[in-house]
């Protein structure tokens, strides 16, 4: 096993709830050449993992930051969205960025209320969901200087165009 594959396989981050392996790469298919057997190339494609960082800053975020450039993307989720600002998250996100990692913010869309999921104010109205989503995206940029947000639980069919 090459050292790069070994390093990637050893990268396993556990969420604060349970023990969920987030990043583990499968071995190449039988008969395919390993990275050690391939001739060197002028440019090297580097595979990185993405991590749903849905855990509070502490030991697991330290492990995530310690993974350095092996993690290309982390999705931060303080409170099913940005919350109201947490200095612990601010520091954790800044530390992760110093390794070259891209950290984006999690924003819940609740399927725009179509499945009965309510906004934080208890509404299932799609217009209220749109206001909450836009507010959460704006808050990610304001509090954490987010470069992007991941919208979770989108509607998979076209609506009426309201």
Foldseek 3Di string as FASTA:
>chain_A
DDPLLVLQQVQFFQAPPDGDGQGHDDDDDPPDDDPVPDDDDPDDDQDAAEEARAHFDDDRLVSVLVSFPNHAEYEYEPDLFDPQADVRVLVSCVSSVVSVHAYAYHHEQCQLLPVPDADPVRDSHSVVSVVRRVVRQVSCCVRRVHPYYDYPDHHPDDDPPD
